[in-house]
Amino acid sequence: MDLFAEILITVCLVISGMFGLVGSYGLLKLPDPMTRLHAPTKATTLGVGGVLIASMLYFLVLGNGLSFHELLITLFLFLTAPITANFIAKTQLHRNVPMTDLPKTGTGRPWATYESDEARAEAEANRNA
């Protein structure tokens, strides 16, 4: 049983390392900030999550029992990484893409990133015209 557990833990660690490597490579080599943002948020989240799962398996099978610390870290990581990526993407979009270059929403309202008093007034003026 110990050999199977060690192999399973090793596989989790190797897969996690590969995700981390792919995410780091994507961060360096992808062409623009929006695609560059995608690589580390997805790949390294899975990489760190896999390391934490391997740690949980280690302590469950070979250690002193089940450890909930890793489960809580994994949960926190899976909840916060997409939110952080969303904030970074919205900031990138808001700073570097003019509102006129975006496609129409089809509702007469602007994109949520550009939702402000000026944007609302502009949408109202377009609707009344």
Foldseek 3Di string as FASTA:
>chain_A
DVVVLVVVLVVLQVQLVVLQVQLVVLLPPPDDDLSNLVSCLPSNLSSLLSNLVSVQSCCCPPNDHGDCPSVVVNVVSVVVSVVVSVVVVLVCCVVPPDQVPDDDPVPLAGDPSPDDPVRVVVSVVVVVD
